[in-house]
Amino acid sequence: MSKLRRPSPAELSQMSPAEKDALILKLFDLLEGLERRLGEVERKVEKTRRNSSKPPSSDGLKRQPAELRQTGSKSNGGQPGHVGVTRAWTETPDEVKELRPLGTCGCGLALADQAEMIGERRQQIEVPEPKAKVIEYRQVIVSCACGCEHRGEFPFGVTPHVSYGPRLKAYAVGWVEGHFVALARTAEILADPYGVRPSDGTIQKWIGQAAESLRPAYEATRQALIAAEVVHFDESGVRVNGHTHWLHVAGTADLAVYVIHPKRGGEAMTAAGILPSFEGHAVHDHWAPITASKRRPTACATPTCCGNCAISRRPRTGIVGRSDFGKSWWKARRRWKPPKPKA
């Protein structure tokens, strides 16, 4: 777009009517061009994965607006037909406290000398008092008559001097990785009731050790996904240390593998190590790196997610439900029945 120079008042006064008319028309042309550009920008901003063919990941990492709760016709609480869940009564309580009345009867006899029976019973579920337990391991050295010494072996994880036990480590790792509690807050949770405060670096080390111990399970899951008939592939943006990364997932109804990678496309999928060796049906949102055969040394069918096809409003080939695989999938879906609620 050409840049228009702003004339001074003196220059405007010296212009002829024809020159002024030409200037006005030029200004209108520029204004119409700006309106068109503004309209295009507004349409792009208004497009989301819900009203266009854009993938879900294009919405970015901004917080989505919360849906306000609408007042319905149903009353609060359990609805008709709802199966309630109550706390189960146990016949083997860990502790029994008998509540015996004290003192004397109105007639003057001592209650301790009278006949008794059990009346109402009530149970209360409680957690044990938090208290750290210190276990000291003492190595016993046995000297044989022949002169040889035999030393007892310390359990795995019992390092020299003072160390933390596996149960405490499991609690910390579970809070950080399972419940997304920050490292510093996890240390506070341990320090307040138990009086034990590991450093942030120590907890991070435990997380690494736990991840390494799960490597065989991860590899077994990855191989099971490669051998599966149908696997769903997807990715979503996440923030890692202030930078955008991508959480890639490959999963079935029973298995799932998550991989975080700085890249979204073929490089990340190759690093995950599932799609390049997969020969079954890859269900996805028609993301180009998945459908590109050059990314995979082996061939696999790529049916497209029906939800994304409905969003894109464009015909797709290999849609689940319109192929031989789709028919078998629907047959299996019809055979499935939800489990009956327990009485």
C-alpha atoms as a PDB file:
ATOM      1  CA  MET A   1       0.000   0.000   0.000  1.00  0.00           C
ATOM      2  CA  SER A   2       1.463   3.348  -1.100  1.00  0.00           C
ATOM      3  CA  LYS A   3       2.188   5.880   1.608  1.00  0.00           C
ATOM      4  CA  LEU A   4       0.120   9.063   1.344  1.00  0.00           C
ATOM      5  CA  ARG A   5       1.778  12.355   2.281  1.00  0.00           C
ATOM      6  CA  ARG A   6      -0.316  14.703   4.399  1.00  0.00           C
ATOM      7  CA  PRO A   7      -0.601  18.080   2.619  1.00  0.00           C
ATOM      8  CA  SER A   8      -0.209  21.274   4.606  1.00  0.00           C
ATOM      9  CA  PRO A   9      -3.040  23.843   4.905  1.00  0.00           C
ATOM     10  CA  ALA A  10      -1.165  26.134   2.508  1.00  0.00           C
ATOM     11  CA  GLU A  11      -0.920  23.371  -0.102  1.00  0.00           C
ATOM     12  CA  LEU A  12      -4.630  22.574   0.231  1.00  0.00           C
ATOM     13  CA  SER A  13      -5.562  26.226  -0.324  1.00  0.00           C
ATOM     14  CA  GLN A  14      -3.555  26.291  -3.569  1.00  0.00           C
ATOM     15  CA  MET A  15      -5.182  23.108  -4.990  1.00  0.00           C
ATOM     16  CA  SER A  16      -7.745  23.361  -7.729  1.00  0.00           C
ATOM     17  CA  PRO A  17     -11.195  21.752  -7.285  1.00  0.00           C
ATOM     18  CA  ALA A  18     -10.182  18.894  -9.589  1.00  0.00           C
ATOM     19  CA  GLU A  19      -7.036  18.195  -7.540  1.00  0.00           C
ATOM     20  CA  LYS A  20      -9.058  18.182  -4.330  1.00  0.00           C
ATOM     21  CA  ASP A  21     -11.583  15.791  -5.856  1.00  0.00           C
ATOM     22  CA  ALA A  22      -8.757  13.441  -6.871  1.00  0.00           C
ATOM     23  CA  LEU A  23      -7.294  13.596  -3.360  1.00  0.00           C
ATOM     24  CA  ILE A  24     -10.685  12.770  -1.812  1.00  0.00           C
ATOM     25  CA  LEU A  25     -11.172   9.777  -4.124  1.00  0.00           C
ATOM     26  CA  LYS A  26      -7.677   8.537  -3.304  1.00  0.00           C
ATOM     27  CA  LEU A  27      -8.452   8.786   0.409  1.00  0.00           C
ATOM     28  CA  PHE A  28     -11.634   6.760  -0.110  1.00  0.00           C
ATOM     29  CA  ASP A  29      -9.649   4.094  -1.986  1.00  0.00           C
ATOM     30  CA  LEU A  30      -7.180   3.841   0.890  1.00  0.00           C
ATOM     31  CA  LEU A  31     -10.023   3.704   3.428  1.00  0.00           C
ATOM     32  CA  GLU A  32     -11.755   0.874   1.563  1.00  0.00           C
ATOM     33  CA  GLY A  33      -8.488  -1.069   1.424  1.00  0.00           C
ATOM     34  CA  LEU A  34      -7.982  -0.655   5.162  1.00  0.00           C
ATOM     35  CA  GLU A  35     -11.550  -1.819   5.828  1.00  0.00           C
ATOM     36  CA  ARG A  36     -10.959  -4.963   3.757  1.00  0.00           C
ATOM     37  CA  ARG A  37      -7.740  -5.740   5.591  1.00  0.00           C
ATOM     38  CA  LEU A  38      -9.396  -5.137   8.966  1.00  0.00           C
ATOM     39  CA  GLY A  39     -12.251  -7.473   8.021  1.00  0.00           C
ATOM     40  CA  GLU A  40      -9.808 -10.231   7.038  1.00  0.00           C
ATOM     41  CA  VAL A  41      -7.939  -9.879  10.327  1.00  0.00           C
ATOM     42  CA  GLU A  42     -11.169  -9.978  12.338  1.00  0.00           C
ATOM     43  CA  ARG A  43     -12.363 -13.098  10.521  1.00  0.00           C
ATOM     44  CA  LYS A  44      -9.071 -14.851  11.221  1.00  0.00           C
ATOM     45  CA  VAL A  45      -9.231 -13.935  14.896  1.00  0.00           C
ATOM     46  CA  GLU A  46     -12.823 -15.135  15.189  1.00  0.00           C
ATOM     47  CA  LYS A  47     -12.062 -18.538  13.627  1.00  0.00           C
ATOM     48  CA  THR A  48     -11.626 -21.374  16.100  1.00  0.00           C
ATOM     49  CA  ARG A  49     -11.610 -25.148  15.910  1.00  0.00           C
ATOM     50  CA  ARG A  50     -15.343 -25.056  16.661  1.00  0.00           C
ATOM     51  CA  ASN A  51     -16.419 -22.894  13.714  1.00  0.00           C
ATOM     52  CA  SER A  52     -13.792 -23.695  11.075  1.00  0.00           C
ATOM     53  CA  SER A  53     -11.467 -26.419   9.821  1.00  0.00           C
ATOM     54  CA  LYS A  54      -8.654 -25.289  12.124  1.00  0.00           C
ATOM     55  CA  PRO A  55      -7.237 -28.075  14.343  1.00  0.00           C
ATOM     56  CA  PRO A  56      -7.772 -27.931  18.135  1.00  0.00           C
ATOM     57  CA  SER A  57      -4.115 -27.071  18.698  1.00  0.00           C
ATOM     58  CA  SER A  58      -4.552 -23.804  16.743  1.00  0.00           C
ATOM     59  CA  ASP A  59      -6.566 -22.325  19.619  1.00  0.00           C
ATOM     60  CA  GLY A  60      -3.294 -21.734  21.435  1.00  0.00           C
ATOM     61  CA  LEU A  61      -2.624 -21.995  25.144  1.00  0.00           C
ATOM     62  CA  LYS A  62      -4.884 -19.173  26.269  1.00  0.00           C
ATOM     63  CA  ARG A  63      -7.437 -19.888  28.956  1.00  0.00           C
ATOM     64  CA  GLN A  64     -10.789 -20.862  27.469  1.00  0.00           C
ATOM     65  CA  PRO A  65     -13.871 -18.954  28.683  1.00  0.00           C
ATOM     66  CA  ALA A  66     -15.731 -20.798  31.386  1.00  0.00           C
ATOM     67  CA  GLU A  67     -19.235 -21.940  30.603  1.00  0.00           C
ATOM     68  CA  LEU A  68     -21.660 -20.447  33.080  1.00  0.00           C
ATOM     69  CA  ARG A  69     -23.858 -22.977  34.797  1.00  0.00           C
ATOM     70  CA  GLN A  70     -27.442 -22.842  33.601  1.00  0.00           C
ATOM     71  CA  THR A  71     -30.292 -23.387  36.041  1.00  0.00           C
ATOM     72  CA  GLY A  72     -32.043 -26.614  35.100  1.00  0.00           C
ATOM     73  CA  SER A  73     -35.363 -28.145  35.946  1.00  0.00           C
ATOM     74  CA  LYS A  74     -33.842 -30.889  38.101  1.00  0.00           C
ATOM     75  CA  SER A  75     -33.467 -30.443  41.828  1.00  0.00           C
ATOM     76  CA  ASN A  76     -30.123 -30.617  43.591  1.00  0.00           C
ATOM     77  CA  GLY A  77     -28.813 -33.917  44.911  1.00  0.00           C
ATOM     78  CA  GLY A  78     -29.308 -37.461  43.719  1.00  0.00           C
ATOM     79  CA  GLN A  79     -31.713 -38.013  40.848  1.00  0.00           C
ATOM     80  CA  PRO A  80     -34.356 -40.765  40.570  1.00  0.00           C
ATOM     81  CA  GLY A  81     -32.692 -44.067  39.715  1.00  0.00           C
ATOM     82  CA  HIS A  82     -29.300 -42.966  41.034  1.00  0.00           C
ATOM     83  CA  VAL A  83     -27.467 -45.754  42.861  1.00  0.00           C
ATOM     84  CA  GLY A  84     -26.054 -44.314  46.067  1.00  0.00           C
ATOM     85  CA  VAL A  85     -22.642 -45.188  47.476  1.00  0.00           C
ATOM     86  CA  THR A  86     -22.210 -45.501  51.240  1.00  0.00           C
ATOM     87  CA  ARG A  87     -19.143 -46.220  53.340  1.00  0.00           C
ATOM     88  CA  ALA A  88     -18.782 -49.948  53.893  1.00  0.00           C
ATOM     89  CA  TRP A  89     -19.031 -51.381  57.420  1.00  0.00           C
ATOM     90  CA  THR A  90     -16.044 -53.503  58.447  1.00  0.00           C
ATOM     91  CA  GLU A  91     -16.273 -56.458  60.799  1.00  0.00           C
ATOM     92  CA  THR A  92     -12.561 -56.276  61.652  1.00  0.00           C
ATOM     93  CA  PRO A  93     -11.891 -52.756  62.971  1.00  0.00           C
ATOM     94  CA  ASP A  94      -8.316 -51.855  63.857  1.00  0.00           C
ATOM     95  CA  GLU A  95      -9.344 -50.497  67.243  1.00  0.00           C
ATOM     96  CA  VAL A  96     -12.414 -50.971  69.449  1.00  0.00           C
ATOM     97  CA  LYS A  97     -13.364 -48.511  72.170  1.00  0.00           C
ATOM     98  CA  GLU A  98     -16.138 -49.509  74.571  1.00  0.00           C
ATOM     99  CA  LEU A  99     -18.125 -46.585  75.931  1.00  0.00           C
ATOM    100  CA  ARG A 100     -19.130 -47.698  79.405  1.00  0.00           C
ATOM    101  CA  PRO A 101     -21.397 -45.532  81.576  1.00  0.00           C
ATOM    102  CA  LEU A 102     -19.828 -44.479  84.860  1.00  0.00           C
ATOM    103  CA  GLY A 103     -21.157 -43.726  88.295  1.00  0.00           C
ATOM    104  CA  THR A 104     -24.199 -45.143  90.033  1.00  0.00           C
ATOM    105  CA  CYS A 105     -27.821 -45.775  89.171  1.00  0.00           C
ATOM    106  CA  GLY A 106     -30.598 -43.663  90.590  1.00  0.00           C
ATOM    107  CA  CYS A 107     -31.291 -46.495  93.045  1.00  0.00           C
ATOM    108  CA  GLY A 108     -27.782 -46.172  94.437  1.00  0.00           C
ATOM    109  CA  LEU A 109     -26.179 -49.323  92.971  1.00  0.00           C
ATOM    110  CA  ALA A 110     -22.782 -49.039  91.224  1.00  0.00           C
ATOM    111  CA  LEU A 111     -23.059 -49.460  87.429  1.00  0.00           C
ATOM    112  CA  ALA A 112     -19.739 -51.331  87.274  1.00  0.00           C
ATOM    113  CA  ASP A 113     -21.283 -54.308  89.108  1.00  0.00           C
ATOM    114  CA  GLN A 114     -24.398 -54.654  86.903  1.00  0.00           C
ATOM    115  CA  ALA A 115     -25.112 -56.824  83.824  1.00  0.00           C
ATOM    116  CA  GLU A 116     -24.067 -55.336  80.498  1.00  0.00           C
ATOM    117  CA  MET A 117     -24.664 -55.792  76.748  1.00  0.00           C
ATOM    118  CA  ILE A 118     -23.563 -54.105  73.522  1.00  0.00           C
ATOM    119  CA  GLY A 119     -25.991 -51.457  72.304  1.00  0.00           C
ATOM    120  CA  GLU A 120     -25.505 -49.270  69.228  1.00  0.00           C
ATOM    121  CA  ARG A 121     -22.308 -49.557  67.218  1.00  0.00           C
ATOM    122  CA  ARG A 122     -20.739 -46.764  65.192  1.00  0.00           C
ATOM    123  CA  GLN A 123     -17.551 -46.724  63.123  1.00  0.00           C
ATOM    124  CA  GLN A 124     -15.310 -43.817  62.212  1.00  0.00           C
ATOM    125  CA  ILE A 125     -12.622 -43.872  59.534  1.00  0.00           C
ATOM    126  CA  GLU A 126      -9.444 -42.093  60.620  1.00  0.00           C
ATOM    127  CA  VAL A 127      -5.909 -41.788  59.323  1.00  0.00           C
ATOM    128  CA  PRO A 128      -2.995 -42.694  61.601  1.00  0.00           C
ATOM    129  CA  GLU A 129      -1.114 -39.952  63.361  1.00  0.00           C
ATOM    130  CA  PRO A 130       1.629 -38.693  61.028  1.00  0.00           C
ATOM    131  CA  LYS A 131       4.990 -39.596  62.439  1.00  0.00           C
ATOM    132  CA  ALA A 132       8.248 -40.288  60.678  1.00  0.00           C
ATOM    133  CA  LYS A 133       9.774 -43.647  61.544  1.00  0.00           C
ATOM    134  CA  VAL A 134      13.560 -43.940  61.713  1.00  0.00           C
ATOM    135  CA  ILE A 135      14.938 -47.400  60.953  1.00  0.00           C
ATOM    136  CA  GLU A 136      18.553 -48.154  61.834  1.00  0.00           C
ATOM    137  CA  TYR A 137      20.231 -50.931  59.895  1.00  0.00           C
ATOM    138  CA  ARG A 138      23.191 -52.562  61.652  1.00  0.00           C
ATOM    139  CA  GLN A 139      25.446 -54.750  59.603  1.00  0.00           C
ATOM    140  CA  VAL A 140      26.364 -57.912  61.448  1.00  0.00           C
ATOM    141  CA  ILE A 141      29.823 -59.362  60.803  1.00  0.00           C
ATOM    142  CA  VAL A 142      30.197 -63.068  61.447  1.00  0.00           C
ATOM    143  CA  SER A 143      33.727 -64.389  61.861  1.00  0.00           C
ATOM    144  CA  CYS A 144      34.131 -68.024  60.947  1.00  0.00           C
ATOM    145  CA  ALA A 145      36.547 -70.281  62.845  1.00  0.00           C
ATOM    146  CA  CYS A 146      38.533 -70.584  59.624  1.00  0.00           C
ATOM    147  CA  GLY A 147      39.243 -66.860  59.720  1.00  0.00           C
ATOM    148  CA  CYS A 148      36.768 -65.678  57.025  1.00  0.00           C
ATOM    149  CA  GLU A 149      34.431 -62.785  57.733  1.00  0.00           C
ATOM    150  CA  HIS A 150      30.841 -62.674  56.426  1.00  0.00           C
ATOM    151  CA  ARG A 151      28.976 -59.349  56.342  1.00  0.00           C
ATOM    152  CA  GLY A 152      25.212 -58.844  56.132  1.00  0.00           C
ATOM    153  CA  GLU A 153      23.953 -56.980  53.050  1.00  0.00           C
ATOM    154  CA  PHE A 154      22.121 -53.674  53.297  1.00  0.00           C
ATOM    155  CA  PRO A 155      18.748 -53.450  51.487  1.00  0.00           C
ATOM    156  CA  PHE A 156      18.608 -51.663  48.136  1.00  0.00           C
ATOM    157  CA  GLY A 157      18.423 -47.894  48.592  1.00  0.00           C
ATOM    158  CA  VAL A 158      19.960 -47.829  52.071  1.00  0.00           C
ATOM    159  CA  THR A 159      22.963 -45.632  51.352  1.00  0.00           C
ATOM    160  CA  PRO A 160      25.749 -44.727  53.809  1.00  0.00           C
ATOM    161  CA  HIS A 161      24.928 -42.394  56.704  1.00  0.00           C
ATOM    162  CA  VAL A 162      21.235 -41.267  56.483  1.00  0.00           C
ATOM    163  CA  SER A 163      18.859 -41.793  53.548  1.00  0.00           C
ATOM    164  CA  TYR A 164      15.140 -41.546  52.779  1.00  0.00           C
ATOM    165  CA  GLY A 165      12.956 -44.638  52.530  1.00  0.00           C
ATOM    166  CA  PRO A 166      11.065 -45.798  49.416  1.00  0.00           C
ATOM    167  CA  ARG A 167       7.614 -45.033  50.859  1.00  0.00           C
ATOM    168  CA  LEU A 168       8.528 -41.410  51.579  1.00  0.00           C
ATOM    169  CA  LYS A 169       9.994 -41.074  48.083  1.00  0.00           C
ATOM    170  CA  ALA A 170       6.830 -42.537  46.567  1.00  0.00           C
ATOM    171  CA  TYR A 171       4.668 -40.007  48.428  1.00  0.00           C
ATOM    172  CA  ALA A 172       6.744 -37.089  47.154  1.00  0.00           C
ATOM    173  CA  VAL A 173       6.829 -38.325  43.555  1.00  0.00           C
ATOM    174  CA  GLY A 174       3.084 -38.972  43.632  1.00  0.00           C
ATOM    175  CA  TRP A 175       2.299 -35.459  44.838  1.00  0.00           C
ATOM    176  CA  VAL A 176       4.482 -33.803  42.196  1.00  0.00           C
ATOM    177  CA  GLU A 177       3.729 -35.989  39.186  1.00  0.00           C
ATOM    178  CA  GLY A 178       0.279 -37.311  40.078  1.00  0.00           C
ATOM    179  CA  HIS A 179      -1.275 -34.242  41.697  1.00  0.00           C
ATOM    180  CA  PHE A 180       0.877 -31.474  40.125  1.00  0.00           C
ATOM    181  CA  VAL A 181       2.079 -30.078  43.445  1.00  0.00           C
ATOM    182  CA  ALA A 182       5.119 -27.798  43.210  1.00  0.00           C
ATOM    183  CA  LEU A 183       8.456 -29.041  44.547  1.00  0.00           C
ATOM    184  CA  ALA A 184       8.605 -26.441  47.331  1.00  0.00           C
ATOM    185  CA  ARG A 185       5.039 -27.173  48.433  1.00  0.00           C
ATOM    186  CA  THR A 186       5.737 -30.906  48.398  1.00  0.00           C
ATOM    187  CA  ALA A 187       8.648 -30.312  50.758  1.00  0.00           C
ATOM    188  CA  GLU A 188       6.315 -28.303  53.020  1.00  0.00           C
ATOM    189  CA  ILE A 189       3.701 -31.088  52.994  1.00  0.00           C
ATOM    190  CA  LEU A 190       6.355 -33.513  54.245  1.00  0.00           C
ATOM    191  CA  ALA A 191       7.807 -31.066  56.757  1.00  0.00           C
ATOM    192  CA  ASP A 192       4.582 -29.958  58.464  1.00  0.00           C
ATOM    193  CA  PRO A 193       3.278 -33.328  59.744  1.00  0.00           C
ATOM    194  CA  TYR A 194       6.412 -35.490  59.597  1.00  0.00           C
ATOM    195  CA  GLY A 195       9.215 -33.050  60.380  1.00  0.00           C
ATOM    196  CA  VAL A 196      11.150 -34.218  57.311  1.00  0.00           C
ATOM    197  CA  ARG A 197      12.064 -31.597  54.709  1.00  0.00           C
ATOM    198  CA  PRO A 198      13.984 -32.808  51.640  1.00  0.00           C
ATOM    199  CA  SER A 199      15.325 -30.187  49.260  1.00  0.00           C
ATOM    200  CA  ASP A 200      13.757 -29.421  45.885  1.00  0.00           C
ATOM    201  CA  GLY A 201      16.752 -30.963  44.146  1.00  0.00           C
ATOM    202  CA  THR A 202      16.395 -34.163  46.166  1.00  0.00           C
ATOM    203  CA  ILE A 203      12.731 -34.521  45.173  1.00  0.00           C
ATOM    204  CA  GLN A 204      13.650 -33.878  41.548  1.00  0.00           C
ATOM    205  CA  LYS A 205      16.255 -36.630  41.808  1.00  0.00           C
ATOM    206  CA  TRP A 206      13.602 -39.028  43.142  1.00  0.00           C
ATOM    207  CA  ILE A 207      11.388 -38.210  40.159  1.00  0.00           C
ATOM    208  CA  GLY A 208      14.226 -39.093  37.797  1.00  0.00           C
ATOM    209  CA  GLN A 209      14.845 -42.359  39.622  1.00  0.00           C
ATOM    210  CA  ALA A 210      11.148 -43.245  39.451  1.00  0.00           C
ATOM    211  CA  ALA A 211      11.062 -42.488  35.735  1.00  0.00           C
ATOM    212  CA  GLU A 212      14.105 -44.673  35.132  1.00  0.00           C
ATOM    213  CA  SER A 213      12.536 -47.557  37.051  1.00  0.00           C
ATOM    214  CA  LEU A 214       9.458 -47.308  34.799  1.00  0.00           C
ATOM    215  CA  ARG A 215      11.470 -47.497  31.576  1.00  0.00           C
ATOM    216  CA  PRO A 216      10.792 -51.249  31.041  1.00  0.00           C
ATOM    217  CA  ALA A 217       7.051 -50.636  31.447  1.00  0.00           C
ATOM    218  CA  TYR A 218       7.213 -47.715  29.012  1.00  0.00           C
ATOM    219  CA  GLU A 219       9.054 -49.794  26.420  1.00  0.00           C
ATOM    220  CA  ALA A 220       6.562 -52.645  26.789  1.00  0.00           C
ATOM    221  CA  THR A 221       3.669 -50.198  26.299  1.00  0.00           C
ATOM    222  CA  ARG A 222       5.339 -48.696  23.233  1.00  0.00           C
ATOM    223  CA  GLN A 223       5.821 -52.117  21.645  1.00  0.00           C
ATOM    224  CA  ALA A 224       2.199 -53.031  22.408  1.00  0.00           C
ATOM    225  CA  LEU A 225       1.002 -49.878  20.642  1.00  0.00           C
ATOM    226  CA  ILE A 226       3.154 -50.640  17.608  1.00  0.00           C
ATOM    227  CA  ALA A 227       1.554 -54.088  17.405  1.00  0.00           C
ATOM    228  CA  ALA A 228      -2.012 -52.796  17.961  1.00  0.00           C
ATOM    229  CA  GLU A 229      -4.568 -52.808  15.159  1.00  0.00           C
ATOM    230  CA  VAL A 230      -5.917 -49.307  15.829  1.00  0.00           C
ATOM    231  CA  VAL A 231      -4.063 -46.436  17.539  1.00  0.00           C
ATOM    232  CA  HIS A 232      -5.148 -42.837  18.006  1.00  0.00           C
ATOM    233  CA  PHE A 233      -2.503 -40.126  17.468  1.00  0.00           C
ATOM    234  CA  ASP A 234      -2.830 -36.514  18.573  1.00  0.00           C
ATOM    235  CA  GLU A 235      -0.816 -33.591  19.910  1.00  0.00           C
ATOM    236  CA  SER A 236      -1.478 -30.492  21.986  1.00  0.00           C
ATOM    237  CA  GLY A 237       0.563 -27.454  22.951  1.00  0.00           C
ATOM    238  CA  VAL A 238       2.011 -27.112  26.457  1.00  0.00           C
ATOM    239  CA  ARG A 239       4.366 -24.673  28.162  1.00  0.00           C
ATOM    240  CA  VAL A 240       7.765 -25.909  29.329  1.00  0.00           C
ATOM    241  CA  ASN A 241      10.020 -23.374  31.078  1.00  0.00           C
ATOM    242  CA  GLY A 242       8.179 -20.546  29.351  1.00  0.00           C
ATOM    243  CA  HIS A 243       8.492 -22.047  25.863  1.00  0.00           C
ATOM    244  CA  THR A 244       5.932 -23.807  23.693  1.00  0.00           C
ATOM    245  CA  HIS A 245       6.373 -27.577  23.458  1.00  0.00           C
ATOM    246  CA  TRP A 246       4.074 -30.287  22.171  1.00  0.00           C
ATOM    247  CA  LEU A 247       2.552 -33.160  24.110  1.00  0.00           C
ATOM    248  CA  HIS A 248       2.240 -36.070  21.674  1.00  0.00           C
ATOM    249  CA  VAL A 249      -0.007 -38.997  22.568  1.00  0.00           C
ATOM    250  CA  ALA A 250      -0.490 -42.418  21.035  1.00  0.00           C
ATOM    251  CA  GLY A 251      -3.160 -44.539  22.636  1.00  0.00           C
ATOM    252  CA  THR A 252      -5.791 -47.231  22.519  1.00  0.00           C
ATOM    253  CA  ALA A 253      -8.678 -47.946  24.866  1.00  0.00           C
ATOM    254  CA  ASP A 254      -6.247 -49.523  27.357  1.00  0.00           C
ATOM    255  CA  LEU A 255      -2.784 -48.080  26.634  1.00  0.00           C
ATOM    256  CA  ALA A 256      -1.306 -44.613  26.161  1.00  0.00           C
ATOM    257  CA  VAL A 257       2.170 -43.150  25.683  1.00  0.00           C
ATOM    258  CA  TYR A 258       2.845 -39.423  26.163  1.00  0.00           C
ATOM    259  CA  VAL A 259       5.934 -37.695  24.778  1.00  0.00           C
ATOM    260  CA  ILE A 260       6.834 -33.999  25.202  1.00  0.00           C
ATOM    261  CA  HIS A 261       8.926 -32.566  22.378  1.00  0.00           C
ATOM    262  CA  PRO A 262       9.864 -29.041  21.209  1.00  0.00           C
ATOM    263  CA  LYS A 263       8.618 -29.891  17.711  1.00  0.00           C
ATOM    264  CA  ARG A 264       5.106 -30.682  16.568  1.00  0.00           C
ATOM    265  CA  GLY A 265       5.694 -32.542  13.311  1.00  0.00           C
ATOM    266  CA  GLY A 266       7.593 -35.502  11.951  1.00  0.00           C
ATOM    267  CA  GLU A 267      10.733 -34.993  14.039  1.00  0.00           C
ATOM    268  CA  ALA A 268       8.774 -35.422  17.266  1.00  0.00           C
ATOM    269  CA  MET A 269       6.858 -38.429  15.937  1.00  0.00           C
ATOM    270  CA  THR A 270      10.105 -40.094  14.962  1.00  0.00           C
ATOM    271  CA  ALA A 271      11.520 -39.396  18.429  1.00  0.00           C
ATOM    272  CA  ALA A 272       8.444 -40.998  20.025  1.00  0.00           C
ATOM    273  CA  GLY A 273       9.284 -44.176  18.116  1.00  0.00           C
ATOM    274  CA  ILE A 274       5.745 -45.467  17.518  1.00  0.00           C
ATOM    275  CA  LEU A 275       4.347 -44.100  14.257  1.00  0.00           C
ATOM    276  CA  PRO A 276       7.432 -44.871  12.095  1.00  0.00           C
ATOM    277  CA  SER A 277       7.060 -48.590  12.905  1.00  0.00           C
ATOM    278  CA  PHE A 278       3.261 -48.709  13.080  1.00  0.00           C
ATOM    279  CA  GLU A 279       1.469 -50.751  10.399  1.00  0.00           C
ATOM    280  CA  GLY A 280      -2.124 -50.663  11.672  1.00  0.00           C
ATOM    281  CA  HIS A 281      -4.868 -48.036  11.451  1.00  0.00           C
ATOM    282  CA  ALA A 282      -3.724 -44.608  12.675  1.00  0.00           C
ATOM    283  CA  VAL A 283      -6.743 -42.503  13.655  1.00  0.00           C
ATOM    284  CA  HIS A 284      -5.887 -38.797  13.723  1.00  0.00           C
ATOM    285  CA  ASP A 285      -7.053 -35.264  12.934  1.00  0.00           C
ATOM    286  CA  HIS A 286      -5.546 -35.232   9.421  1.00  0.00           C
ATOM    287  CA  TRP A 287      -2.379 -33.464  10.581  1.00  0.00           C
ATOM    288  CA  ALA A 288      -0.093 -33.527   7.535  1.00  0.00           C
ATOM    289  CA  PRO A 289       3.032 -35.093   9.146  1.00  0.00           C
ATOM    290  CA  ILE A 290       0.952 -38.115  10.157  1.00  0.00           C
ATOM    291  CA  THR A 291      -0.452 -38.669   6.681  1.00  0.00           C
ATOM    292  CA  ALA A 292       2.864 -38.020   4.922  1.00  0.00           C
ATOM    293  CA  SER A 293       4.213 -41.430   3.956  1.00  0.00           C
ATOM    294  CA  LYS A 294       7.778 -40.137   3.842  1.00  0.00           C
ATOM    295  CA  ARG A 295       7.674 -39.889   7.630  1.00  0.00           C
ATOM    296  CA  ARG A 296       7.056 -43.619   7.961  1.00  0.00           C
ATOM    297  CA  PRO A 297       9.257 -46.364   6.532  1.00  0.00           C
ATOM    298  CA  THR A 298       6.282 -48.738   6.918  1.00  0.00           C
ATOM    299  CA  ALA A 299       2.837 -48.237   5.438  1.00  0.00           C
ATOM    300  CA  CYS A 300      -0.255 -47.834   7.611  1.00  0.00           C
ATOM    301  CA  ALA A 301      -3.861 -46.898   6.968  1.00  0.00           C
ATOM    302  CA  THR A 302      -4.854 -43.451   8.230  1.00  0.00           C
ATOM    303  CA  PRO A 303      -8.585 -43.130   8.917  1.00  0.00           C
ATOM    304  CA  THR A 304      -9.554 -39.629   9.964  1.00  0.00           C
ATOM    305  CA  CYS A 305     -11.307 -38.704  13.187  1.00  0.00           C
ATOM    306  CA  CYS A 306     -15.011 -38.171  12.427  1.00  0.00           C
ATOM    307  CA  GLY A 307     -15.168 -35.244  14.828  1.00  0.00           C
ATOM    308  CA  ASN A 308     -12.522 -33.349  12.870  1.00  0.00           C
ATOM    309  CA  CYS A 309     -14.260 -34.201   9.590  1.00  0.00           C
ATOM    310  CA  ALA A 310     -17.470 -32.705  10.922  1.00  0.00           C
ATOM    311  CA  ILE A 311     -15.600 -29.552  11.911  1.00  0.00           C
ATOM    312  CA  SER A 312     -13.805 -29.201   8.580  1.00  0.00           C
ATOM    313  CA  ARG A 313     -17.017 -29.823   6.569  1.00  0.00           C
ATOM    314  CA  ARG A 314     -14.891 -31.269   3.796  1.00  0.00           C
ATOM    315  CA  PRO A 315     -15.091 -34.823   2.418  1.00  0.00           C
ATOM    316  CA  ARG A 316     -12.234 -37.057   3.507  1.00  0.00           C
ATOM    317  CA  THR A 317     -11.090 -40.423   2.299  1.00  0.00           C
ATOM    318  CA  GLY A 318     -10.530 -43.211   4.764  1.00  0.00           C
ATOM    319  CA  ILE A 319     -13.056 -41.894   7.257  1.00  0.00           C
ATOM    320  CA  VAL A 320     -13.852 -44.202  10.135  1.00  0.00           C
ATOM    321  CA  GLY A 321     -17.255 -45.731   9.430  1.00  0.00           C
ATOM    322  CA  ARG A 322     -16.915 -45.558   5.625  1.00  0.00           C
ATOM    323  CA  SER A 323     -14.314 -48.272   5.127  1.00  0.00           C
ATOM    324  CA  ASP A 324     -14.018 -51.966   5.851  1.00  0.00           C
ATOM    325  CA  PHE A 325     -12.164 -51.072   9.014  1.00  0.00           C
ATOM    326  CA  GLY A 326     -14.914 -48.645   9.946  1.00  0.00           C
ATOM    327  CA  LYS A 327     -17.582 -51.315   9.538  1.00  0.00           C
ATOM    328  CA  SER A 328     -15.709 -53.717  11.799  1.00  0.00           C
ATOM    329  CA  TRP A 329     -15.204 -50.927  14.312  1.00  0.00           C
ATOM    330  CA  TRP A 330     -18.905 -50.150  14.402  1.00  0.00           C
ATOM    331  CA  LYS A 331     -19.751 -53.849  14.791  1.00  0.00           C
ATOM    332  CA  ALA A 332     -17.411 -54.072  17.768  1.00  0.00           C
ATOM    333  CA  ARG A 333     -18.948 -50.903  19.191  1.00  0.00           C
ATOM    334  CA  ARG A 334     -22.470 -52.319  18.928  1.00  0.00           C
ATOM    335  CA  ARG A 335     -21.407 -55.518  20.685  1.00  0.00           C
ATOM    336  CA  TRP A 336     -20.068 -53.573  23.650  1.00  0.00           C
ATOM    337  CA  LYS A 337     -22.418 -53.219  26.596  1.00  0.00           C
ATOM    338  CA  PRO A 338     -21.876 -50.982  29.625  1.00  0.00           C
ATOM    339  CA  PRO A 339     -21.276 -52.810  32.910  1.00  0.00           C
ATOM    340  CA  LYS A 340     -24.295 -53.238  35.131  1.00  0.00           C
ATOM    341  CA  PRO A 341     -24.245 -51.222  38.362  1.00  0.00           C
ATOM    342  CA  LYS A 342     -23.607 -53.226  41.491  1.00  0.00           C
ATOM    343  CA  ALA A 343     -26.637 -53.823  43.682  1.00  0.00           C
END
